């Protein structure tokens, strides 16, 4: 259902129930939305989902600008393309570029690899992540810590920067030594 109102001189539409919005290849869904007509923006709340050419972003709240095609997601943000999952408390998602910026506490899970950092950017089409600040990468064979890291999913390759620490898991160096 839909109702129209005016707040502070701004025209607003209030949408209830099974809210669905489509713009080009972008589809948005939520339980509730406010549409700010003068700003060409929506505020989606309640089980918000953005679908964009293979990407699915979920969050509790998304403010979406139809002119810029950018969504600002807050609370329980989860981005996936079916193979990789990226989680964070907040994100900015550019639907044209399929680029997500995670300003704080981000975790990327790709098969057996887990990448954590203070902040980062993920490009879905390029399948590339650039993370900064207290970066940690764990997989079955390696534990890595760095100031920054670029991760190329297709090549399963990482380039670490700044101060870097690498420990190979399961190598002879990790095995207990016989001191007798």
N, C-alpha and C. Protein backbone atom coordinates (compact mmCIF):
# COMPACT_ATOMS: atom_id res chain seq x y z
N UNK A 1 0.83 -1.17 0.00
CA UNK A 1 0.00 0.00 0.00
C UNK A 1 0.88 1.24 0.00
N UNK A 2 0.29 2.37 -0.31
CA UNK A 2 1.02 3.62 -0.51
C UNK A 2 0.26 4.76 0.11
N UNK A 3 0.99 5.66 0.79
CA UNK A 3 0.38 6.90 1.26
C UNK A 3 1.33 8.04 0.97
N UNK A 4 0.78 9.22 0.74
CA UNK A 4 1.58 10.40 0.42
C UNK A 4 1.49 11.38 1.58
N UNK A 5 2.61 12.05 1.85
CA UNK A 5 2.64 13.04 2.91
C UNK A 5 3.69 14.09 2.59
N UNK A 6 3.73 15.13 3.43
CA UNK A 6 4.72 16.18 3.26
C UNK A 6 5.35 16.45 4.61
N UNK A 7 6.71 16.46 4.66
CA UNK A 7 7.45 16.74 5.89
C UNK A 7 8.46 17.83 5.60
N UNK A 8 8.39 18.91 6.34
CA UNK A 8 9.34 20.00 6.15
C UNK A 8 9.38 20.52 4.73
N UNK A 9 8.26 20.52 4.04
CA UNK A 9 8.19 21.00 2.67
C UNK A 9 8.61 19.97 1.63
N UNK A 10 8.96 18.76 2.06
CA UNK A 10 9.37 17.72 1.11
C UNK A 10 8.24 16.71 0.90
N UNK A 11 8.02 16.36 -0.36
CA UNK A 11 6.99 15.37 -0.70
C UNK A 11 7.57 13.96 -0.49
N UNK A 12 6.82 13.15 0.24
CA UNK A 12 7.27 11.79 0.58
C UNK A 12 6.14 10.81 0.31
N UNK A 13 6.51 9.65 -0.22
CA UNK A 13 5.57 8.53 -0.34
C UNK A 13 6.02 7.45 0.63
N UNK A 14 5.05 6.89 1.32
CA UNK A 14 5.32 5.82 2.27
C UNK A 14 4.77 4.53 1.68
N UNK A 15 5.63 3.52 1.55
CA UNK A 15 5.23 2.24 0.95
C UNK A 15 5.29 1.15 2.01
N UNK A 16 4.21 0.36 2.12
CA UNK A 16 4.09 -0.67 3.14
C UNK A 16 3.98 -2.04 2.49
N UNK A 17 4.44 -3.05 3.24
CA UNK A 17 4.24 -4.42 2.78
C UNK A 17 5.36 -4.89 1.87
N UNK A 18 5.01 -5.60 0.86
CA UNK A 18 5.97 -6.20 -0.05
C UNK A 18 6.45 -5.15 -1.07
N UNK A 19 7.42 -4.31 -0.66
CA UNK A 19 7.88 -3.20 -1.49
C UNK A 19 8.88 -3.72 -2.51
N UNK A 20 8.66 -3.38 -3.77
CA UNK A 20 9.57 -3.76 -4.85
C UNK A 20 9.79 -2.57 -5.77
N UNK A 21 11.06 -2.30 -6.08
CA UNK A 21 11.42 -1.20 -6.98
C UNK A 21 12.42 -1.75 -7.99
N UNK A 22 12.24 -1.33 -9.24
CA UNK A 22 13.15 -1.77 -10.30
C UNK A 22 13.67 -0.54 -11.05
N UNK A 23 14.98 -0.53 -11.28
CA UNK A 23 15.62 0.52 -12.07
C UNK A 23 16.64 -0.15 -12.98
N UNK A 24 16.39 -0.14 -14.27
CA UNK A 24 17.25 -0.83 -15.23
C UNK A 24 17.43 -2.29 -14.79
N UNK A 25 18.67 -2.73 -14.54
CA UNK A 25 18.91 -4.11 -14.13
C UNK A 25 18.90 -4.28 -12.61
N UNK A 26 18.70 -3.19 -11.88
CA UNK A 26 18.70 -3.24 -10.41
C UNK A 26 17.29 -3.45 -9.89
N UNK A 27 17.17 -4.43 -8.99
CA UNK A 27 15.89 -4.68 -8.32
C UNK A 27 16.11 -4.56 -6.81
N UNK A 28 15.21 -3.86 -6.15
CA UNK A 28 15.27 -3.67 -4.70
C UNK A 28 13.98 -4.17 -4.09
N UNK A 29 14.11 -4.76 -2.89
CA UNK A 29 12.94 -5.31 -2.20
C UNK A 29 13.09 -5.04 -0.71
N UNK A 30 11.98 -4.77 -0.04
CA UNK A 30 12.00 -4.58 1.41
C UNK A 30 10.59 -4.71 1.97
N UNK A 31 10.49 -4.60 3.29
CA UNK A 31 9.18 -4.64 3.95
C UNK A 31 8.52 -3.26 4.00
N UNK A 32 9.36 -2.20 3.96
CA UNK A 32 8.86 -0.83 4.11
C UNK A 32 9.81 0.11 3.41
N UNK A 33 9.30 1.22 2.87
CA UNK A 33 10.16 2.21 2.23
C UNK A 33 9.53 3.59 2.29
N UNK A 34 10.40 4.59 2.36
CA UNK A 34 10.01 5.97 2.19
C UNK A 34 10.64 6.45 0.90
N UNK A 35 9.84 7.09 0.04
CA UNK A 35 10.37 7.62 -1.21
C UNK A 35 10.37 9.14 -1.11
N UNK A 36 11.55 9.72 -1.18
CA UNK A 36 11.71 11.18 -1.13
C UNK A 36 11.69 11.68 -2.57
N UNK A 37 10.56 12.21 -2.98
CA UNK A 37 10.34 12.55 -4.38
C UNK A 37 11.26 13.66 -4.88
N UNK A 38 11.53 14.67 -4.07
CA UNK A 38 12.37 15.79 -4.51
C UNK A 38 13.84 15.38 -4.65
N UNK A 39 14.29 14.42 -3.84
CA UNK A 39 15.69 13.97 -3.87
C UNK A 39 15.90 12.75 -4.76
N UNK A 40 14.80 12.15 -5.21
CA UNK A 40 14.85 10.92 -6.01
C UNK A 40 15.58 9.81 -5.24
N UNK A 41 15.24 9.69 -3.94
CA UNK A 41 15.85 8.68 -3.08
C UNK A 41 14.78 7.85 -2.39
N UNK A 42 15.20 6.64 -2.01
CA UNK A 42 14.37 5.74 -1.22
C UNK A 42 15.12 5.41 0.06
N UNK A 43 14.39 5.23 1.14
CA UNK A 43 14.92 4.68 2.37
C UNK A 43 14.19 3.36 2.59
N UNK A 44 14.88 2.25 2.36
CA UNK A 44 14.30 0.92 2.53
C UNK A 44 14.66 0.39 3.91
N UNK A 45 13.70 -0.22 4.59
CA UNK A 45 13.97 -0.85 5.88
C UNK A 45 13.24 -2.19 5.95
N UNK A 46 13.79 -3.07 6.78
CA UNK A 46 13.16 -4.37 6.99
C UNK A 46 13.48 -5.37 5.91
N UNK A 47 14.48 -6.20 6.14
CA UNK A 47 14.86 -7.27 5.20
C UNK A 47 15.07 -6.72 3.79
N UNK A 48 16.00 -5.78 3.66
CA UNK A 48 16.27 -5.14 2.38
C UNK A 48 17.18 -6.02 1.53
N UNK A 49 16.84 -6.16 0.25
CA UNK A 49 17.65 -6.94 -0.68
C UNK A 49 17.81 -6.13 -1.97
N UNK A 50 19.08 -6.04 -2.43
CA UNK A 50 19.36 -5.45 -3.74
C UNK A 50 19.90 -6.56 -4.63
N UNK A 51 19.29 -6.74 -5.80
CA UNK A 51 19.76 -7.70 -6.80
C UNK A 51 20.34 -6.91 -7.97
N UNK A 52 21.56 -7.22 -8.36
CA UNK A 52 22.18 -6.52 -9.49
C UNK A 52 23.10 -7.48 -10.25
N UNK A 53 22.66 -7.96 -11.40
CA UNK A 53 23.45 -8.80 -12.30
C UNK A 53 24.35 -9.80 -11.57
N UNK A 54 23.76 -10.68 -10.80
CA UNK A 54 24.51 -11.73 -10.12
C UNK A 54 24.87 -11.41 -8.68
N UNK A 55 24.86 -10.14 -8.30
CA UNK A 55 25.13 -9.75 -6.91
C UNK A 55 23.83 -9.70 -6.13
N UNK A 56 23.92 -10.08 -4.85
CA UNK A 56 22.82 -9.91 -3.92
C UNK A 56 23.37 -9.25 -2.67
N UNK A 57 22.85 -8.08 -2.34
CA UNK A 57 23.25 -7.38 -1.13
C UNK A 57 22.05 -7.35 -0.20
N UNK A 58 22.26 -7.76 1.03
CA UNK A 58 21.20 -7.75 2.05
C UNK A 58 21.65 -6.84 3.19
N UNK A 59 20.68 -6.15 3.80
CA UNK A 59 20.97 -5.28 4.94
C UNK A 59 19.66 -4.97 5.65
N UNK A 60 19.77 -4.42 6.85
CA UNK A 60 18.58 -4.00 7.59
C UNK A 60 18.00 -2.72 7.01
N UNK A 61 18.90 -1.82 6.54
CA UNK A 61 18.47 -0.52 6.01
C UNK A 61 19.33 -0.15 4.81
N UNK A 62 18.71 0.38 3.76
CA UNK A 62 19.45 0.88 2.59
C UNK A 62 18.83 2.20 2.15
N UNK A 63 19.67 3.21 2.01
CA UNK A 63 19.24 4.48 1.40
C UNK A 63 19.77 4.45 -0.02
N UNK A 64 18.86 4.47 -1.00
CA UNK A 64 19.21 4.29 -2.41
C UNK A 64 18.88 5.55 -3.20
N UNK A 65 19.87 6.07 -3.92
CA UNK A 65 19.69 7.25 -4.76
C UNK A 65 19.50 6.80 -6.20
N UNK A 66 18.36 7.10 -6.79
CA UNK A 66 18.07 6.65 -8.16
C UNK A 66 18.91 7.37 -9.20
N UNK A 67 19.32 8.61 -8.94
CA UNK A 67 20.15 9.34 -9.91
C UNK A 67 21.56 8.77 -9.99
N UNK A 68 22.19 8.53 -8.83
CA UNK A 68 23.57 8.03 -8.80
C UNK A 68 23.63 6.51 -8.86
N UNK A 69 22.51 5.84 -8.60
CA UNK A 69 22.42 4.38 -8.55
C UNK A 69 23.35 3.80 -7.47
N UNK A 70 23.40 4.50 -6.34
CA UNK A 70 24.24 4.09 -5.21
C UNK A 70 23.35 3.84 -4.00
N UNK A 71 23.59 2.70 -3.35
CA UNK A 71 22.89 2.36 -2.12
C UNK A 71 23.83 2.41 -0.93
N UNK A 72 23.39 3.01 0.15
CA UNK A 72 24.18 3.06 1.39
C UNK A 72 23.49 2.13 2.39
N UNK A 73 24.15 1.00 2.65
CA UNK A 73 23.56 -0.04 3.48
C UNK A 73 24.10 0.04 4.91
N UNK A 74 23.22 -0.27 5.87
CA UNK A 74 23.60 -0.26 7.28
C UNK A 74 23.03 -1.48 7.98
N UNK A 75 23.82 -2.01 8.88
CA UNK A 75 23.42 -3.07 9.80
C UNK A 75 23.24 -4.42 9.10
N UNK A 76 24.06 -5.36 9.52
CA UNK A 76 24.01 -6.74 9.00
C UNK A 76 24.16 -6.81 7.48
N UNK A 77 25.13 -6.09 6.94
CA UNK A 77 25.34 -6.06 5.49
C UNK A 77 26.00 -7.35 5.05
N UNK A 78 25.45 -7.94 3.99
CA UNK A 78 25.97 -9.20 3.44
C UNK A 78 25.87 -9.13 1.93
N UNK A 79 27.03 -9.20 1.25
CA UNK A 79 27.08 -9.18 -0.21
C UNK A 79 27.55 -10.55 -0.69
N UNK A 80 26.88 -11.11 -1.70
CA UNK A 80 27.32 -12.38 -2.26
C UNK A 80 27.04 -12.42 -3.76
N UNK A 81 27.87 -13.20 -4.46
CA UNK A 81 27.62 -13.47 -5.87
C UNK A 81 27.37 -14.97 -6.06
N UNK A 82 27.14 -15.68 -4.95
CA UNK A 82 26.92 -17.11 -4.99
C UNK A 82 28.16 -17.91 -4.65
N UNK A 83 29.33 -17.29 -4.75
CA UNK A 83 30.59 -17.96 -4.42
C UNK A 83 31.31 -17.29 -3.26
N UNK A 84 31.39 -15.97 -3.29
CA UNK A 84 32.05 -15.21 -2.24
C UNK A 84 30.99 -14.54 -1.38
N UNK A 85 31.29 -14.38 -0.08
CA UNK A 85 30.42 -13.67 0.84
C UNK A 85 31.26 -12.59 1.51
N UNK A 86 30.75 -11.36 1.52
CA UNK A 86 31.42 -10.25 2.19
C UNK A 86 30.45 -9.71 3.22
N UNK A 87 30.92 -9.58 4.48
CA UNK A 87 30.06 -9.12 5.57
C UNK A 87 30.70 -7.90 6.23
N UNK A 88 29.84 -6.97 6.65
CA UNK A 88 30.31 -5.77 7.33
C UNK A 88 29.11 -5.07 7.98
N UNK A 89 29.38 -4.15 8.91
CA UNK A 89 28.28 -3.40 9.49
C UNK A 89 27.69 -2.35 8.54
N UNK A 90 28.53 -1.83 7.61
CA UNK A 90 28.07 -0.82 6.66
C UNK A 90 28.72 -1.04 5.31
N UNK A 91 28.06 -0.52 4.27
CA UNK A 91 28.64 -0.59 2.92
C UNK A 91 28.00 0.46 2.04
N UNK A 92 28.74 0.87 1.02
CA UNK A 92 28.21 1.70 -0.06
C UNK A 92 28.33 0.86 -1.32
N UNK A 93 27.19 0.64 -2.00
CA UNK A 93 27.17 -0.24 -3.17
C UNK A 93 26.80 0.56 -4.41
N UNK A 94 27.72 0.62 -5.38
CA UNK A 94 27.48 1.31 -6.65
C UNK A 94 27.01 0.26 -7.64
N UNK A 95 25.73 0.34 -8.03
CA UNK A 95 25.16 -0.70 -8.89
C UNK A 95 25.72 -0.68 -10.31
N UNK A 96 26.08 0.50 -10.84
CA UNK A 96 26.68 0.57 -12.18
C UNK A 96 28.05 -0.09 -12.22
N UNK A 97 28.89 0.23 -11.24
CA UNK A 97 30.26 -0.30 -11.22
C UNK A 97 30.36 -1.66 -10.54
N UNK A 98 29.29 -2.08 -9.87
CA UNK A 98 29.30 -3.30 -9.05
C UNK A 98 30.51 -3.26 -8.11
N UNK A 99 30.63 -2.11 -7.44
CA UNK A 99 31.72 -1.86 -6.49
C UNK A 99 31.12 -1.60 -5.13
N UNK A 100 31.66 -2.28 -4.12
CA UNK A 100 31.20 -2.12 -2.75
C UNK A 100 32.34 -1.60 -1.89
N UNK A 101 32.07 -0.56 -1.13
CA UNK A 101 33.05 0.00 -0.21
C UNK A 101 32.57 -0.30 1.20
N UNK A 102 33.46 -0.91 1.98
CA UNK A 102 33.16 -1.29 3.36
C UNK A 102 34.06 -0.46 4.27
N UNK A 103 33.53 0.58 4.93
CA UNK A 103 34.38 1.49 5.68
C UNK A 103 34.89 0.97 7.02
N UNK A 104 34.27 -0.12 7.52
CA UNK A 104 34.76 -0.62 8.81
C UNK A 104 34.46 -2.10 8.99
N UNK A 105 35.43 -2.78 9.57
CA UNK A 105 35.30 -4.17 10.00
C UNK A 105 34.67 -5.09 8.94
N UNK A 106 35.44 -5.43 7.93
CA UNK A 106 34.93 -6.22 6.81
C UNK A 106 35.53 -7.63 6.83
N UNK A 107 34.72 -8.63 6.46
CA UNK A 107 35.17 -10.02 6.34
C UNK A 107 34.73 -10.56 4.99
N UNK A 108 35.69 -11.12 4.24
CA UNK A 108 35.40 -11.75 2.94
C UNK A 108 35.69 -13.23 3.08
N UNK A 109 34.72 -14.07 2.69
CA UNK A 109 34.88 -15.52 2.74
C UNK A 109 34.77 -16.04 1.31
N UNK A 110 35.84 -16.69 0.84
CA UNK A 110 35.90 -17.21 -0.52
C UNK A 110 36.40 -18.65 -0.44
N UNK A 111 35.49 -19.60 -0.50
CA UNK A 111 35.82 -21.01 -0.40
C UNK A 111 36.54 -21.27 0.92
N UNK A 112 37.83 -21.61 0.88
CA UNK A 112 38.57 -21.91 2.11
C UNK A 112 39.36 -20.72 2.62
N UNK A 113 39.26 -19.57 1.98
CA UNK A 113 39.99 -18.37 2.40
C UNK A 113 39.07 -17.42 3.16
N UNK A 114 39.62 -16.86 4.24
CA UNK A 114 38.90 -15.84 5.01
C UNK A 114 39.82 -14.64 5.12
N UNK A 115 39.31 -13.50 4.68
CA UNK A 115 40.06 -12.24 4.67
C UNK A 115 39.33 -11.25 5.55
N UNK A 116 40.06 -10.68 6.53
CA UNK A 116 39.48 -9.70 7.45
C UNK A 116 40.31 -8.43 7.42
N UNK A 117 39.65 -7.28 7.60
CA UNK A 117 40.38 -6.01 7.64
C UNK A 117 39.51 -4.93 8.28
N UNK A 118 40.15 -3.80 8.55
CA UNK A 118 39.42 -2.66 9.10
C UNK A 118 38.51 -2.03 8.05
N UNK A 119 38.95 -2.03 6.78
CA UNK A 119 38.14 -1.46 5.70
C UNK A 119 38.54 -2.10 4.38
N UNK A 120 37.69 -1.91 3.37
CA UNK A 120 38.04 -2.48 2.07
C UNK A 120 37.05 -2.14 0.99
N UNK A 121 37.44 -2.49 -0.23
CA UNK A 121 36.62 -2.31 -1.42
C UNK A 121 36.61 -3.62 -2.19
N UNK A 122 35.43 -3.98 -2.71
CA UNK A 122 35.32 -5.21 -3.50
C UNK A 122 34.64 -4.89 -4.82
N UNK A 123 35.28 -5.30 -5.94
CA UNK A 123 34.72 -5.15 -7.28
C UNK A 123 34.20 -6.51 -7.72
N UNK A 124 32.90 -6.65 -7.85
CA UNK A 124 32.28 -7.94 -8.17
C UNK A 124 32.66 -8.44 -9.56
N UNK A 125 32.57 -7.58 -10.58
CA UNK A 125 32.89 -8.03 -11.94
C UNK A 125 34.37 -8.38 -12.09
N UNK A 126 35.25 -7.59 -11.50
CA UNK A 126 36.69 -7.85 -11.58
C UNK A 126 37.11 -8.96 -10.63
N UNK A 127 36.23 -9.30 -9.66
CA UNK A 127 36.52 -10.34 -8.67
C UNK A 127 37.82 -10.02 -7.93
N UNK A 128 37.90 -8.74 -7.48
CA UNK A 128 39.10 -8.24 -6.82
C UNK A 128 38.71 -7.50 -5.54
N UNK A 129 39.52 -7.67 -4.50
CA UNK A 129 39.32 -6.97 -3.23
C UNK A 129 40.59 -6.22 -2.88
N UNK A 130 40.42 -5.01 -2.36
CA UNK A 130 41.53 -4.22 -1.82
C UNK A 130 41.16 -3.87 -0.39
N UNK A 131 41.91 -4.42 0.58
CA UNK A 131 41.61 -4.23 1.99
C UNK A 131 42.77 -3.51 2.67
N UNK A 132 42.43 -2.71 3.71
CA UNK A 132 43.42 -1.94 4.44
C UNK A 132 43.18 -2.05 5.94
N UNK A 133 44.29 -1.92 6.68
CA UNK A 133 44.20 -1.84 8.13
C UNK A 133 44.05 -3.18 8.81
N UNK A 134 45.11 -3.61 9.48
CA UNK A 134 45.08 -4.85 10.25
C UNK A 134 44.49 -6.01 9.44
N UNK A 135 45.03 -6.21 8.24
CA UNK A 135 44.53 -7.23 7.32
C UNK A 135 45.01 -8.61 7.77
N UNK A 136 44.12 -9.56 7.76
CA UNK A 136 44.44 -10.96 8.08
C UNK A 136 43.82 -11.86 7.02
N UNK A 137 44.64 -12.74 6.47
CA UNK A 137 44.18 -13.71 5.48
C UNK A 137 44.53 -15.09 5.98
N UNK A 138 43.52 -15.94 6.08
CA UNK A 138 43.73 -17.32 6.51
C UNK A 138 43.18 -18.27 5.47
N UNK A 139 43.98 -19.28 5.14
CA UNK A 139 43.53 -20.40 4.32
C UNK A 139 44.15 -21.65 4.93
N UNK A 140 43.85 -22.84 4.41
CA UNK A 140 44.36 -24.06 5.04
C UNK A 140 45.90 -24.13 5.11
N UNK A 141 46.60 -23.39 4.27
CA UNK A 141 48.07 -23.49 4.23
C UNK A 141 48.80 -22.28 4.78
N UNK A 142 48.11 -21.13 4.94
CA UNK A 142 48.81 -19.90 5.25
C UNK A 142 48.01 -19.01 6.20
N UNK A 143 48.74 -18.33 7.07
CA UNK A 143 48.19 -17.23 7.86
C UNK A 143 49.03 -16.01 7.50
N UNK A 144 48.36 -14.93 7.06
CA UNK A 144 49.06 -13.73 6.64
C UNK A 144 48.49 -12.53 7.37
N UNK A 145 49.38 -11.63 7.79
CA UNK A 145 48.98 -10.36 8.38
C UNK A 145 49.70 -9.26 7.61
N UNK A 146 49.00 -8.16 7.32
CA UNK A 146 49.61 -7.07 6.55
C UNK A 146 48.88 -5.77 6.82
N UNK A 147 49.51 -4.67 6.40
CA UNK A 147 48.86 -3.37 6.49
C UNK A 147 47.81 -3.21 5.39
N UNK A 148 48.07 -3.79 4.21
CA UNK A 148 47.12 -3.73 3.10
C UNK A 148 47.27 -5.01 2.28
N UNK A 149 46.23 -5.30 1.49
CA UNK A 149 46.27 -6.51 0.68
C UNK A 149 45.31 -6.36 -0.50
N UNK A 150 45.79 -6.76 -1.68
CA UNK A 150 44.93 -6.86 -2.86
C UNK A 150 44.77 -8.33 -3.16
N UNK A 151 43.52 -8.77 -3.27
CA UNK A 151 43.21 -10.18 -3.47
C UNK A 151 42.52 -10.35 -4.81
N UNK A 152 43.12 -11.18 -5.68
CA UNK A 152 42.57 -11.50 -7.00
C UNK A 152 41.95 -12.89 -6.91
N UNK A 153 40.63 -12.96 -6.90
CA UNK A 153 39.93 -14.23 -6.70
C UNK A 153 40.22 -15.23 -7.82
N UNK A 154 40.17 -14.81 -9.09
CA UNK A 154 40.35 -15.74 -10.20
C UNK A 154 41.73 -16.40 -10.21
N UNK A 155 42.73 -15.64 -9.84
CA UNK A 155 44.10 -16.18 -9.83
C UNK A 155 44.46 -16.78 -8.47
N UNK A 156 43.57 -16.63 -7.47
CA UNK A 156 43.86 -17.07 -6.10
C UNK A 156 45.22 -16.52 -5.68
N UNK A 157 45.39 -15.21 -5.89
CA UNK A 157 46.66 -14.54 -5.65
C UNK A 157 46.42 -13.31 -4.80
N UNK A 158 47.37 -13.04 -3.89
CA UNK A 158 47.29 -11.88 -3.02
C UNK A 158 48.59 -11.11 -3.07
N UNK A 159 48.49 -9.80 -3.01
CA UNK A 159 49.67 -8.94 -2.92
C UNK A 159 49.52 -8.14 -1.64
N UNK A 160 50.42 -8.37 -0.69
CA UNK A 160 50.38 -7.72 0.61
C UNK A 160 51.33 -6.54 0.62
N UNK A 161 50.97 -5.48 1.37
CA UNK A 161 51.81 -4.30 1.46
C UNK A 161 52.02 -3.87 2.90
N UNK A 162 53.02 -2.98 3.08
CA UNK A 162 53.35 -2.49 4.42
C UNK A 162 54.10 -3.55 5.19
N UNK A 163 53.87 -3.59 6.48
CA UNK A 163 54.49 -4.64 7.29
C UNK A 163 53.72 -5.93 7.06
N UNK A 164 54.46 -6.99 6.69
CA UNK A 164 53.83 -8.25 6.31
C UNK A 164 54.42 -9.38 7.16
N UNK A 165 53.54 -10.25 7.66
CA UNK A 165 53.93 -11.45 8.39
C UNK A 165 53.22 -12.63 7.74
N UNK A 166 53.98 -13.68 7.41
CA UNK A 166 53.40 -14.88 6.80
C UNK A 166 53.87 -16.10 7.59
N UNK A 167 52.91 -16.95 7.92
CA UNK A 167 53.24 -18.22 8.58
C UNK A 167 52.59 -19.33 7.78
N UNK A 168 53.39 -20.28 7.36
CA UNK A 168 52.87 -21.45 6.66
C UNK A 168 52.33 -22.42 7.69
N UNK A 169 51.13 -22.88 7.50
CA UNK A 169 50.49 -23.82 8.41
C UNK A 169 50.84 -25.23 7.96
N UNK A 170 51.18 -26.09 8.93
CA UNK A 170 51.45 -27.48 8.60
C UNK A 170 52.83 -27.73 8.02
N UNK A 171 53.76 -26.78 8.12
CA UNK A 171 55.12 -27.01 7.65
C UNK A 171 55.94 -27.63 8.75
N UNK A 172 57.14 -28.05 8.42
CA UNK A 172 58.04 -28.64 9.42
C UNK A 172 58.31 -27.67 10.55
N UNK A 173 58.31 -26.38 10.28
CA UNK A 173 58.56 -25.38 11.32
C UNK A 173 57.48 -25.42 12.38
N UNK A 174 56.27 -25.86 12.03
CA UNK A 174 55.18 -25.93 13.00
C UNK A 174 55.13 -27.27 13.74
N UNK A 175 55.87 -28.24 13.25
CA UNK A 175 55.83 -29.58 13.84
C UNK A 175 56.58 -29.58 15.17
N UNK A 176 56.11 -30.37 16.15
CA UNK A 176 56.83 -30.47 17.42
C UNK A 176 58.21 -31.09 17.18
N UNK A 177 59.18 -30.60 17.92
CA UNK A 177 60.56 -31.10 17.76
C UNK A 177 60.89 -32.09 18.88
N UNK A 178 61.64 -33.10 18.53
CA UNK A 178 62.11 -34.09 19.50
C UNK A 178 63.38 -33.55 20.13
N UNK A 179 63.34 -33.27 21.43
CA UNK A 179 64.50 -32.69 22.11
C UNK A 179 65.27 -33.72 22.93
N UNK A 180 64.99 -34.99 22.76
CA UNK A 180 65.69 -36.02 23.55
C UNK A 180 67.00 -36.40 22.94
